[in-house]
Amino acid sequence: MFISISHHYCKPGHLEAARERVDKSCITLLEEPGCLYRYRMERPSLPNVVSAITAWKSEEDFERSRQKRFGGGHDLSKTPYEKVESEQYHVHPSPGASRD
């Protein structure tokens, strides 16, 4: 499994628009091959940041989707975000950590 966590730093006064945009992208991403789930998250200590966690079957699925959506880059000028930071992780099961 491969996890991507994105932190969307909102422009002043654009928090609700950022939430709506992240939620809308959830519907789109779930149609992408290999996307397992996507959840919106908000951290109380950072009220101007809307985050999302997305799980993929593989890093290749993630990269294929990202290339399809963003191609050569991500233009933030028409979004409610000042900046977006992301981090990615390979997920490895720990012995006994899963009920499967």
PDB file of N, CA and C in Angstrom:
ATOM      1  N   MET A   1       0.851  -1.173   0.000  1.00  0.00           N
ATOM      2  CA  MET A   1       0.000   0.000   0.000  1.00  0.00           C
ATOM      3  C   MET A   1       0.895   1.233   0.000  1.00  0.00           C
ATOM      4  N   PHE A   2       0.352   2.311  -0.536  1.00  0.00           N
ATOM      5  CA  PHE A   2       1.070   3.576  -0.627  1.00  0.00           C
ATOM      6  C   PHE A   2       0.130   4.673  -0.140  1.00  0.00           C
ATOM      7  N   ILE A   3       0.616   5.536   0.748  1.00  0.00           N
ATOM      8  CA  ILE A   3      -0.194   6.605   1.335  1.00  0.00           C
ATOM      9  C   ILE A   3       0.360   7.967   0.916  1.00  0.00           C
ATOM     10  N   SER A   4      -0.542   8.863   0.544  1.00  0.00           N
ATOM     11  CA  SER A   4      -0.180  10.254   0.280  1.00  0.00           C
ATOM     12  C   SER A   4      -0.978  11.136   1.227  1.00  0.00           C
ATOM     13  N   ILE A   5      -0.278  12.040   1.893  1.00  0.00           N
ATOM     14  CA  ILE A   5      -0.927  13.010   2.769  1.00  0.00           C
ATOM     15  C   ILE A   5      -0.630  14.395   2.207  1.00  0.00           C
ATOM     16  N   SER A   6      -1.686  15.150   1.942  1.00  0.00           N
ATOM     17  CA  SER A   6      -1.548  16.503   1.384  1.00  0.00           C
ATOM     18  C   SER A   6      -2.078  17.516   2.386  1.00  0.00           C
ATOM     19  N   HIS A   7      -1.324  18.591   2.571  1.00  0.00           N
ATOM     20  CA  HIS A   7      -1.727  19.681   3.456  1.00  0.00           C
ATOM     21  C   HIS A   7      -1.969  20.919   2.596  1.00  0.00           C
ATOM     22  N   HIS A   8      -3.209  21.377   2.570  1.00  0.00           N
ATOM     23  CA  HIS A   8      -3.622  22.510   1.752  1.00  0.00           C
ATOM     24  C   HIS A   8      -3.729  23.746   2.651  1.00  0.00           C
ATOM     25  N   TYR A   9      -2.798  24.661   2.517  1.00  0.00           N
ATOM     26  CA  TYR A   9      -2.786  25.892   3.304  1.00  0.00           C
ATOM     27  C   TYR A   9      -3.685  26.910   2.608  1.00  0.00           C
ATOM     28  N   CYS A  10      -4.737  27.306   3.297  1.00  0.00           N
ATOM     29  CA  CYS A  10      -5.787  28.123   2.685  1.00  0.00           C
ATOM     30  C   CYS A  10      -5.431  29.600   2.631  1.00  0.00           C
ATOM     31  N   LYS A  11      -5.853  30.228   1.546  1.00  0.00           N
ATOM     32  CA  LYS A  11      -5.797  31.686   1.458  1.00  0.00           C
ATOM     33  C   LYS A  11      -6.794  32.251   2.466  1.00  0.00           C
ATOM     34  N   PRO A  12      -6.546  33.431   3.021  1.00  0.00           N
ATOM     35  CA  PRO A  12      -7.478  34.015   3.996  1.00  0.00           C
ATOM     36  C   PRO A  12      -8.905  34.070   3.443  1.00  0.00           C
ATOM     37  N   GLY A  13      -9.852  33.616   4.265  1.00  0.00           N
ATOM     38  CA  GLY A  13     -11.265  33.641   3.889  1.00  0.00           C
ATOM     39  C   GLY A  13     -11.700  32.529   2.947  1.00  0.00           C
ATOM     40  N   HIS A  14     -10.842  31.563   2.661  1.00  0.00           N
ATOM     41  CA  HIS A  14     -11.159  30.515   1.695  1.00  0.00           C
ATOM     42  C   HIS A  14     -11.242  29.113   2.304  1.00  0.00           C
ATOM     43  N   LEU A  15     -11.409  29.018   3.615  1.00  0.00           N
ATOM     44  CA  LEU A  15     -11.432  27.714   4.266  1.00  0.00           C
ATOM     45  C   LEU A  15     -12.564  26.829   3.741  1.00  0.00           C
ATOM     46  N   GLU A  16     -13.766  27.370   3.658  1.00  0.00           N
ATOM     47  CA  GLU A  16     -14.898  26.554   3.203  1.00  0.00           C
ATOM     48  C   GLU A  16     -14.715  26.121   1.752  1.00  0.00           C
ATOM     49  N   ALA A  17     -14.211  27.004   0.918  1.00  0.00           N
ATOM     50  CA  ALA A  17     -13.946  26.635  -0.483  1.00  0.00           C
ATOM     51  C   ALA A  17     -12.889  25.537  -0.560  1.00  0.00           C
ATOM     52  N   ALA A  18     -11.901  25.596   0.321  1.00  0.00           N
ATOM     53  CA  ALA A  18     -10.872  24.552   0.349  1.00  0.00           C
ATOM     54  C   ALA A  18     -11.476  23.216   0.760  1.00  0.00           C
ATOM     55  N   ARG A  19     -12.321  23.225   1.768  1.00  0.00           N
ATOM     56  CA  ARG A  19     -12.994  21.984   2.189  1.00  0.00           C
ATOM     57  C   ARG A  19     -13.795  21.395   1.029  1.00  0.00           C
ATOM     58  N   GLU A  20     -14.565  22.235   0.358  1.00  0.00           N
ATOM     59  CA  GLU A  20     -15.391  21.761  -0.753  1.00  0.00           C
ATOM     60  C   GLU A  20     -14.533  21.193  -1.875  1.00  0.00           C
ATOM     61  N   ARG A  21     -13.431  21.838  -2.167  1.00  0.00           N
ATOM     62  CA  ARG A  21     -12.552  21.368  -3.249  1.00  0.00           C
ATOM     63  C   ARG A  21     -11.918  20.020  -2.902  1.00  0.00           C
ATOM     64  N   VAL A  22     -11.461  19.867  -1.658  1.00  0.00           N
ATOM     65  CA  VAL A  22     -10.890  18.586  -1.230  1.00  0.00           C
ATOM     66  C   VAL A  22     -11.957  17.497  -1.282  1.00  0.00           C
ATOM     67  N   ASP A  23     -13.162  17.802  -0.805  1.00  0.00           N
ATOM     68  CA  ASP A  23     -14.240  16.811  -0.842  1.00  0.00           C
ATOM     69  C   ASP A  23     -14.597  16.414  -2.276  1.00  0.00           C
ATOM     70  N   LYS A  24     -14.640  17.389  -3.165  1.00  0.00           N
ATOM     71  CA  LYS A  24     -14.953  17.098  -4.564  1.00  0.00           C
ATOM     72  C   LYS A  24     -13.873  16.210  -5.189  1.00  0.00           C
ATOM     73  N   SER A  25     -12.627  16.482  -4.848  1.00  0.00           N
ATOM     74  CA  SER A  25     -11.552  15.662  -5.415  1.00  0.00           C
ATOM     75  C   SER A  25     -11.619  14.233  -4.919  1.00  0.00           C
ATOM     76  N   CYS A  26     -12.208  14.031  -3.760  1.00  0.00           N
ATOM     77  CA  CYS A  26     -12.386  12.676  -3.229  1.00  0.00           C
ATOM     78  C   CYS A  26     -13.201  11.827  -4.202  1.00  0.00           C
ATOM     79  N   ILE A  27     -14.267  12.384  -4.698  1.00  0.00           N
ATOM     80  CA  ILE A  27     -15.136  11.652  -5.623  1.00  0.00           C
ATOM     81  C   ILE A  27     -14.367  11.301  -6.889  1.00  0.00           C
ATOM     82  N   THR A  28     -13.612  12.245  -7.404  1.00  0.00           N
ATOM     83  CA  THR A  28     -12.827  12.026  -8.619  1.00  0.00           C
ATOM     84  C   THR A  28     -11.738  10.983  -8.396  1.00  0.00           C
ATOM     85  N   LEU A  29     -11.018  11.100  -7.289  1.00  0.00           N
ATOM     86  CA  LEU A  29      -9.916  10.173  -7.030  1.00  0.00           C
ATOM     87  C   LEU A  29     -10.392   8.744  -6.835  1.00  0.00           C
ATOM     88  N   LEU A  30     -11.536   8.568  -6.224  1.00  0.00           N
ATOM     89  CA  LEU A  30     -12.037   7.209  -6.004  1.00  0.00           C
ATOM     90  C   LEU A  30     -12.351   6.483  -7.310  1.00  0.00           C
ATOM     91  N   GLU A  31     -12.463   7.223  -8.391  1.00  0.00           N
ATOM     92  CA  GLU A  31     -12.668   6.614  -9.702  1.00  0.00           C
ATOM     93  C   GLU A  31     -11.353   6.204 -10.358  1.00  0.00           C
ATOM     94  N   GLU A  32     -10.231   6.657  -9.797  1.00  0.00           N
ATOM     95  CA  GLU A  32      -8.921   6.344 -10.360  1.00  0.00           C
ATOM     96  C   GLU A  32      -8.525   4.903 -10.029  1.00  0.00           C
ATOM     97  N   PRO A  33      -7.938   4.191 -10.993  1.00  0.00           N
ATOM     98  CA  PRO A  33      -7.480   2.824 -10.714  1.00  0.00           C
ATOM     99  C   PRO A  33      -6.473   2.814  -9.573  1.00  0.00           C
ATOM    100  N   GLY A  34      -6.685   1.937  -8.622  1.00  0.00           N
ATOM    101  CA  GLY A  34      -5.759   1.771  -7.514  1.00  0.00           C
ATOM    102  C   GLY A  34      -6.036   2.627  -6.298  1.00  0.00           C
ATOM    103  N   CYS A  35      -6.965   3.572  -6.382  1.00  0.00           N
ATOM    104  CA  CYS A  35      -7.283   4.407  -5.218  1.00  0.00           C
ATOM    105  C   CYS A  35      -8.170   3.608  -4.267  1.00  0.00           C
ATOM    106  N   LEU A  36      -7.732   3.458  -3.027  1.00  0.00           N
ATOM    107  CA  LEU A  36      -8.469   2.667  -2.039  1.00  0.00           C
ATOM    108  C   LEU A  36      -9.412   3.522  -1.198  1.00  0.00           C
ATOM    109  N   TYR A  37      -8.935   4.680  -0.758  1.00  0.00           N
ATOM    110  CA  TYR A  37      -9.783   5.597   0.009  1.00  0.00           C
ATOM    111  C   TYR A  37      -9.128   6.966   0.085  1.00  0.00           C
ATOM    112  N   ARG A  38      -9.938   7.957   0.440  1.00  0.00           N
ATOM    113  CA  ARG A  38      -9.455   9.329   0.658  1.00  0.00           C
ATOM    114  C   ARG A  38     -10.326   9.954   1.732  1.00  0.00           C
ATOM    115  N   TYR A  39      -9.695  10.559   2.714  1.00  0.00           N
ATOM    116  CA  TYR A  39     -10.403  11.237   3.793  1.00  0.00           C
ATOM    117  C   TYR A  39      -9.855  12.651   3.950  1.00  0.00           C
ATOM    118  N   ARG A  40     -10.759  13.574   4.240  1.00  0.00           N
ATOM    119  CA  ARG A  40     -10.360  14.943   4.581  1.00  0.00           C
ATOM    120  C   ARG A  40     -10.093  14.980   6.076  1.00  0.00           C
ATOM    121  N   MET A  41      -9.040  15.716   6.459  1.00  0.00           N
ATOM    122  CA  MET A  41      -8.673  15.840   7.868  1.00  0.00           C
ATOM    123  C   MET A  41      -8.448  17.313   8.190  1.00  0.00           C
ATOM    124  N   GLU A  42      -8.727  17.677   9.436  1.00  0.00           N
ATOM    125  CA  GLU A  42      -8.443  19.028   9.895  1.00  0.00           C
ATOM    126  C   GLU A  42      -7.834  18.953  11.291  1.00  0.00           C
ATOM    127  N   ARG A  43      -6.774  19.679  11.468  1.00  0.00           N
ATOM    128  CA  ARG A  43      -6.051  19.696  12.740  1.00  0.00           C
ATOM    129  C   ARG A  43      -6.461  20.947  13.510  1.00  0.00           C
ATOM    130  N   PRO A  44      -7.021  20.781  14.719  1.00  0.00           N
ATOM    131  CA  PRO A  44      -7.496  21.947  15.466  1.00  0.00           C
ATOM    132  C   PRO A  44      -6.429  23.024  15.688  1.00  0.00           C
ATOM    133  N   SER A  45      -5.175  22.630  15.815  1.00  0.00           N
ATOM    134  CA  SER A  45      -4.130  23.618  16.073  1.00  0.00           C
ATOM    135  C   SER A  45      -3.687  24.364  14.813  1.00  0.00           C
ATOM    136  N   LEU A  46      -4.158  23.929  13.637  1.00  0.00           N
ATOM    137  CA  LEU A  46      -3.856  24.619  12.373  1.00  0.00           C
ATOM    138  C   LEU A  46      -5.164  24.850  11.617  1.00  0.00           C
ATOM    139  N   PRO A  47      -5.964  25.818  12.049  1.00  0.00           N
ATOM    140  CA  PRO A  47      -7.306  25.991  11.486  1.00  0.00           C
ATOM    141  C   PRO A  47      -7.352  26.440  10.033  1.00  0.00           C
ATOM    142  N   ASN A  48      -6.243  26.884   9.461  1.00  0.00           N
ATOM    143  CA  ASN A  48      -6.258  27.321   8.063  1.00  0.00           C
ATOM    144  C   ASN A  48      -5.722  26.247   7.116  1.00  0.00           C
ATOM    145  N   VAL A  49      -5.578  25.020   7.618  1.00  0.00           N
ATOM    146  CA  VAL A  49      -5.039  23.932   6.803  1.00  0.00           C
ATOM    147  C   VAL A  49      -6.075  22.823   6.677  1.00  0.00           C
ATOM    148  N   VAL A  50      -6.345  22.432   5.444  1.00  0.00           N
ATOM    149  CA  VAL A  50      -7.219  21.291   5.164  1.00  0.00           C
ATOM    150  C   VAL A  50      -6.316  20.194   4.596  1.00  0.00           C
ATOM    151  N   SER A  51      -6.307  19.052   5.251  1.00  0.00           N
ATOM    152  CA  SER A  51      -5.443  17.954   4.823  1.00  0.00           C
ATOM    153  C   SER A  51      -6.273  16.813   4.278  1.00  0.00           C
ATOM    154  N   ALA A  52      -5.611  15.952   3.531  1.00  0.00           N
ATOM    155  CA  ALA A  52      -6.275  14.767   2.994  1.00  0.00           C
ATOM    156  C   ALA A  52      -5.288  13.611   3.037  1.00  0.00           C
ATOM    157  N   ILE A  53      -5.803  12.442   3.362  1.00  0.00           N
ATOM    158  CA  ILE A  53      -5.006  11.226   3.313  1.00  0.00           C
ATOM    159  C   ILE A  53      -5.629  10.316   2.263  1.00  0.00           C
ATOM    160  N   THR A  54      -4.793   9.835   1.367  1.00  0.00           N
ATOM    161  CA  THR A  54      -5.263   8.992   0.268  1.00  0.00           C
ATOM    162  C   THR A  54      -4.424   7.730   0.249  1.00  0.00           C
ATOM    163  N   ALA A  55      -5.097   6.595   0.173  1.00  0.00           N
ATOM    164  CA  ALA A  55      -4.411   5.303   0.104  1.00  0.00           C
ATOM    165  C   ALA A  55      -4.522   4.733  -1.309  1.00  0.00           C
ATOM    166  N   TRP A  56      -3.429   4.177  -1.771  1.00  0.00           N
ATOM    167  CA  TRP A  56      -3.329   3.598  -3.105  1.00  0.00           C
ATOM    168  C   TRP A  56      -2.830   2.166  -2.994  1.00  0.00           C
ATOM    169  N   LYS A  57      -3.190   1.344  -3.956  1.00  0.00           N
ATOM    170  CA  LYS A  57      -2.678  -0.027  -3.983  1.00  0.00           C
ATOM    171  C   LYS A  57      -1.168  -0.025  -4.160  1.00  0.00           C
ATOM    172  N   SER A  58      -0.662   0.921  -4.960  1.00  0.00           N
ATOM    173  CA  SER A  58       0.772   0.953  -5.233  1.00  0.00           C
ATOM    174  C   SER A  58       1.237   2.377  -5.512  1.00  0.00           C
ATOM    175  N   GLU A  59       2.539   2.575  -5.423  1.00  0.00           N
ATOM    176  CA  GLU A  59       3.121   3.863  -5.770  1.00  0.00           C
ATOM    177  C   GLU A  59       2.894   4.167  -7.249  1.00  0.00           C
ATOM    178  N   GLU A  60       2.922   3.146  -8.083  1.00  0.00           N
ATOM    179  CA  GLU A  60       2.688   3.328  -9.520  1.00  0.00           C
ATOM    180  C   GLU A  60       1.287   3.875  -9.785  1.00  0.00           C
ATOM    181  N   ASP A  61       0.273   3.369  -9.058  1.00  0.00           N
ATOM    182  CA  ASP A  61      -1.088   3.894  -9.206  1.00  0.00           C
ATOM    183  C   ASP A  61      -1.141   5.373  -8.811  1.00  0.00           C
ATOM    184  N   PHE A  62      -0.490   5.702  -7.709  1.00  0.00           N
ATOM    185  CA  PHE A  62      -0.433   7.089  -7.250  1.00  0.00           C
ATOM    186  C   PHE A  62       0.221   7.984  -8.304  1.00  0.00           C
ATOM    187  N   GLU A  63       1.377   7.575  -8.800  1.00  0.00           N
ATOM    188  CA  GLU A  63       2.114   8.392  -9.778  1.00  0.00           C
ATOM    189  C   GLU A  63       1.339   8.553 -11.085  1.00  0.00           C
ATOM    190  N   ARG A  64       0.685   7.502 -11.532  1.00  0.00           N
ATOM    191  CA  ARG A  64      -0.110   7.567 -12.759  1.00  0.00           C
ATOM    192  C   ARG A  64      -1.246   8.577 -12.593  1.00  0.00           C
ATOM    193  N   SER A  65      -1.917   8.537 -11.455  1.00  0.00           N
ATOM    194  CA  SER A  65      -3.012   9.472 -11.190  1.00  0.00           C
ATOM    195  C   SER A  65      -2.496  10.902 -11.075  1.00  0.00           C
ATOM    196  N   ARG A  66      -1.403  11.087 -10.375  1.00  0.00           N
ATOM    197  CA  ARG A  66      -0.844  12.429 -10.209  1.00  0.00           C
ATOM    198  C   ARG A  66      -0.412  13.024 -11.546  1.00  0.00           C
ATOM    199  N   GLN A  67       0.205  12.208 -12.383  1.00  0.00           N
ATOM    200  CA  GLN A  67       0.624  12.681 -13.706  1.00  0.00           C
ATOM    201  C   GLN A  67      -0.592  13.072 -14.547  1.00  0.00           C
ATOM    202  N   LYS A  68      -1.628  12.268 -14.468  1.00  0.00           N
ATOM    203  CA  LYS A  68      -2.856  12.543 -15.218  1.00  0.00           C
ATOM    204  C   LYS A  68      -3.506  13.852 -14.751  1.00  0.00           C
ATOM    205  N   ARG A  69      -3.516  14.097 -13.437  1.00  0.00           N
ATOM    206  CA  ARG A  69      -4.179  15.276 -12.880  1.00  0.00           C
ATOM    207  C   ARG A  69      -3.354  16.542 -12.988  1.00  0.00           C
ATOM    208  N   PHE A  70      -2.039  16.444 -12.783  1.00  0.00           N
ATOM    209  CA  PHE A  70      -1.222  17.653 -12.692  1.00  0.00           C
ATOM    210  C   PHE A  70      -0.209  17.818 -13.812  1.00  0.00           C
ATOM    211  N   GLY A  71       0.084  16.764 -14.540  1.00  0.00           N
ATOM    212  CA  GLY A  71       1.042  16.868 -15.635  1.00  0.00           C
ATOM    213  C   GLY A  71       2.334  17.514 -15.214  1.00  0.00           C
ATOM    214  N   GLY A  72       2.609  18.683 -15.768  1.00  0.00           N
ATOM    215  CA  GLY A  72       3.867  19.362 -15.499  1.00  0.00           C
ATOM    216  C   GLY A  72       3.890  20.231 -14.262  1.00  0.00           C
ATOM    217  N   GLY A  73       2.797  20.332 -13.543  1.00  0.00           N
ATOM    218  CA  GLY A  73       2.800  21.174 -12.348  1.00  0.00           C
ATOM    219  C   GLY A  73       1.399  21.456 -11.855  1.00  0.00           C
ATOM    220  N   HIS A  74       1.323  22.192 -10.789  1.00  0.00           N
ATOM    221  CA  HIS A  74       0.038  22.499 -10.169  1.00  0.00           C
ATOM    222  C   HIS A  74      -0.054  24.014 -10.004  1.00  0.00           C
ATOM    223  N   ASP A  75      -0.925  24.659 -10.773  1.00  0.00           N
ATOM    224  CA  ASP A  75      -1.117  26.106 -10.710  1.00  0.00           C
ATOM    225  C   ASP A  75      -2.112  26.423  -9.590  1.00  0.00           C
ATOM    226  N   LEU A  76      -1.635  27.038  -8.528  1.00  0.00           N
ATOM    227  CA  LEU A  76      -2.484  27.340  -7.377  1.00  0.00           C
ATOM    228  C   LEU A  76      -3.232  28.664  -7.502  1.00  0.00           C
ATOM    229  N   SER A  77      -2.962  29.434  -8.540  1.00  0.00           N
ATOM    230  CA  SER A  77      -3.553  30.774  -8.639  1.00  0.00           C
ATOM    231  C   SER A  77      -5.083  30.754  -8.687  1.00  0.00           C
ATOM    232  N   LYS A  78      -5.679  29.695  -9.191  1.00  0.00           N
ATOM    233  CA  LYS A  78      -7.145  29.616  -9.296  1.00  0.00           C
ATOM    234  C   LYS A  78      -7.738  28.685  -8.244  1.00  0.00           C
ATOM    235  N   THR A  79      -6.998  28.446  -7.173  1.00  0.00           N
ATOM    236  CA  THR A  79      -7.474  27.574  -6.106  1.00  0.00           C
ATOM    237  C   THR A  79      -7.600  28.372  -4.814  1.00  0.00           C
ATOM    238  N   PRO A  80      -8.230  27.799  -3.793  1.00  0.00           N
ATOM    239  CA  PRO A  80      -8.304  28.483  -2.490  1.00  0.00           C
ATOM    240  C   PRO A  80      -7.045  28.280  -1.644  1.00  0.00           C
ATOM    241  N   TYR A  81      -5.973  27.762  -2.241  1.00  0.00           N
ATOM    242  CA  TYR A  81      -4.772  27.424  -1.484  1.00  0.00           C
ATOM    243  C   TYR A  81      -3.631  28.402  -1.734  1.00  0.00           C
ATOM    244  N   GLU A  82      -2.907  28.734  -0.657  1.00  0.00           N
ATOM    245  CA  GLU A  82      -1.664  29.489  -0.783  1.00  0.00           C
ATOM    246  C   GLU A  82      -0.537  28.561  -1.205  1.00  0.00           C
ATOM    247  N   LYS A  83      -0.531  27.374  -0.609  1.00  0.00           N
ATOM    248  CA  LYS A  83       0.463  26.365  -0.949  1.00  0.00           C
ATOM    249  C   LYS A  83      -0.080  24.995  -0.573  1.00  0.00           C
ATOM    250  N   VAL A  84       0.514  23.987  -1.172  1.00  0.00           N
ATOM    251  CA  VAL A  84       0.170  22.600  -0.869  1.00  0.00           C
ATOM    252  C   VAL A  84       1.469  21.856  -0.625  1.00  0.00           C
ATOM    253  N   GLU A  85       1.526  21.173   0.495  1.00  0.00           N
ATOM    254  CA  GLU A  85       2.669  20.323   0.803  1.00  0.00           C
ATOM    255  C   GLU A  85       2.169  18.888   0.873  1.00  0.00           C
ATOM    256  N   SER A  86       2.984  17.968   0.402  1.00  0.00           N
ATOM    257  CA  SER A  86       2.556  16.578   0.471  1.00  0.00           C
ATOM    258  C   SER A  86       3.709  15.689   0.892  1.00  0.00           C
ATOM    259  N   GLU A  87       3.336  14.572   1.426  1.00  0.00           N
ATOM    260  CA  GLU A  87       4.298  13.563   1.832  1.00  0.00           C
ATOM    261  C   GLU A  87       3.739  12.199   1.462  1.00  0.00           C
ATOM    262  N   GLN A  88       4.621  11.293   1.111  1.00  0.00           N
ATOM    263  CA  GLN A  88       4.198   9.979   0.688  1.00  0.00           C
ATOM    264  C   GLN A  88       4.919   8.909   1.513  1.00  0.00           C
ATOM    265  N   TYR A  89       4.226   7.781   1.701  1.00  0.00           N
ATOM    266  CA  TYR A  89       4.750   6.701   2.517  1.00  0.00           C
ATOM    267  C   TYR A  89       4.437   5.343   1.890  1.00  0.00           C
ATOM    268  N   HIS A  90       5.396   4.451   1.956  1.00  0.00           N
ATOM    269  CA  HIS A  90       5.132   3.042   1.686  1.00  0.00           C
ATOM    270  C   HIS A  90       4.643   2.447   3.000  1.00  0.00           C
ATOM    271  N   VAL A  91       3.580   1.683   2.947  1.00  0.00           N
ATOM    272  CA  VAL A  91       2.994   1.107   4.156  1.00  0.00           C
ATOM    273  C   VAL A  91       3.363  -0.377   4.198  1.00  0.00           C
ATOM    274  N   HIS A  92       3.932  -0.787   5.333  1.00  0.00           N
ATOM    275  CA  HIS A  92       4.340  -2.178   5.533  1.00  0.00           C
ATOM    276  C   HIS A  92       3.636  -2.694   6.792  1.00  0.00           C
ATOM    277  N   PRO A  93       2.978  -3.822   6.702  1.00  0.00           N
ATOM    278  CA  PRO A  93       2.275  -4.342   7.875  1.00  0.00           C
ATOM    279  C   PRO A  93       3.263  -4.811   8.954  1.00  0.00           C
ATOM    280  N   SER A  94       2.934  -4.499  10.194  1.00  0.00           N
ATOM    281  CA  SER A  94       3.686  -5.022  11.315  1.00  0.00           C
ATOM    282  C   SER A  94       3.060  -6.354  11.721  1.00  0.00           C
ATOM    283  N   PRO A  95       3.847  -7.309  12.159  1.00  0.00           N
ATOM    284  CA  PRO A  95       3.288  -8.603  12.548  1.00  0.00           C
ATOM    285  C   PRO A  95       2.195  -8.435  13.606  1.00  0.00           C
ATOM    286  N   GLY A  96       1.045  -9.017  13.342  1.00  0.00           N
ATOM    287  CA  GLY A  96      -0.067  -8.962  14.287  1.00  0.00           C
ATOM    288  C   GLY A  96      -0.827  -7.662  14.300  1.00  0.00           C
ATOM    289  N   ALA A  97      -0.482  -6.702  13.425  1.00  0.00           N
ATOM    290  CA  ALA A  97      -1.130  -5.392  13.452  1.00  0.00           C
ATOM    291  C   ALA A  97      -2.447  -5.359  12.705  1.00  0.00           C
ATOM    292  N   SER A  98      -2.710  -6.369  11.882  1.00  0.00           N
ATOM    293  CA  SER A  98      -3.928  -6.381  11.074  1.00  0.00           C
ATOM    294  C   SER A  98      -4.844  -7.508  11.517  1.00  0.00           C
ATOM    295  N   ARG A  99      -6.123  -7.279  11.376  1.00  0.00           N
ATOM    296  CA  ARG A  99      -7.116  -8.315  11.725  1.00  0.00           C
ATOM    297  C   ARG A  99      -7.476  -9.159  10.516  1.00  0.00           C
ATOM    298  N   ASP A 100      -6.873  -8.855   9.366  1.00  0.00           N
ATOM    299  CA  ASP A 100      -7.171  -9.603   8.139  1.00  0.00           C
ATOM    300  C   ASP A 100      -6.575 -10.994   8.188  1.00  0.00           C
TER     301      ASP A 100
END
